[in-house]
Amino acid sequence: MLRSRYDVVFLAEWEGIGALLPRRAPLVTNLATGFRIADWIAGPATRGRTLRTRLVIGLQKRFETRQMTRSRGLVPISRAVRDWYAARIPALPPSVVVRNCIDVPSVRTSARTSDLPDGWPTGSGPVVLFLSRIERRKGVLTAMQAFDDLARARPDVSFVFAGSFCFLEPTREELLALVADEHHDRFTFLGHVGGGEVYAAIRAATVVTCPSRWEGFGNAALEVKAVGTPLVVTTGSGFDDFCEDELDALMVPRDDRVALAAAIARLLDEPELRERLTEHASSGIDAFTADAVAPDLLAAAERLLGRDHRPAAEPRVADERR
């Protein structure tokens, strides 16, 4: 790379591989969720790391910061990411927010044609799906507490978790300890679900929730909207850029078990609300295809590198939601 000539070098911050590039390199850094943000969200979950792991991650953070500050410009994936870094790292280069994208046609086709994952509930009752890795920062503890409240009031509802268990994070046994013993048989942990099966699971669910404590963007939630299943997410992070409460999703404060349970209960009880939210979600999803995002990404790079004399601006989708 050092001996080659490129018009743009576009690299994510989370590996810091651009930290050693010369300052003259046309480096544009994509701000997603580096180690600095990940550790901030994880909080106490990081305390069990070995000394070696802490040293490696500390070095990684230095590389990430060096890459950012030596870039010609930054492309955060959301306003939340932009603002988080701006509040903690002085004198960052200019930035233009550009949203993430997904393969909308592929997601929709897979949802219709793929088999459900092994272990999916076979009953006829509603299913609430937690869609994320089993981590504190993904809101799994709040979800379990909210699901316990729902389980006590709604004997017909099943609760499914589609996401892998992670080191130093709650185990299945620890999570089930948060729920009354008599409801344990209504909780299913699928582990990691890959391929089309995860989209089939989204389609089969009555409600999907991604109750993250903080999210850089939230591609999983975007995929839920593409499939057409009612969605509950949290406020105050990346979801804010592509979800609007009561329009295309229900949004609740993070770490609020009561609000989360109430939002899910509304969707279980109100088919008209489910239909309205998914209709609006579907109508706006094409703005998140690669074909729609690519021109904005190229335009952002041109502006940040000084090849376009128009002032840097936020992307169309973010502007519309302000």
Foldseek 3Di string as FASTA:
>chain_A
DQPDADPEDEEELAQLPQLPHDLVHQYEYEYFAHPVNVCVLQPPLPVPDDPVVVVVSVVSVVSSLSNQQSHLEYEYQAVQRVVVVPVPRPPTHHYAYFHAFDALVQLQVLLVPPDAAPPDDPDPAAEEEEEEAQAVQQQLLLVLLLVQVVCVVDVRYAYEYAEAYDPSGDDPVRSCVSHPPVCVVRYYYRHHDDDSNVSNVLLRHQEYERAGLEGSACVVVLSSLSNQHAYEYEDDYNPLLQDDDLQQYHYYHHPDSVVVNVRVVCSSVDVVSSNRNSVRSNVPSVCRHCVNRVVVVVVRSCVSSPNDPDDHDYDPSNVVSD
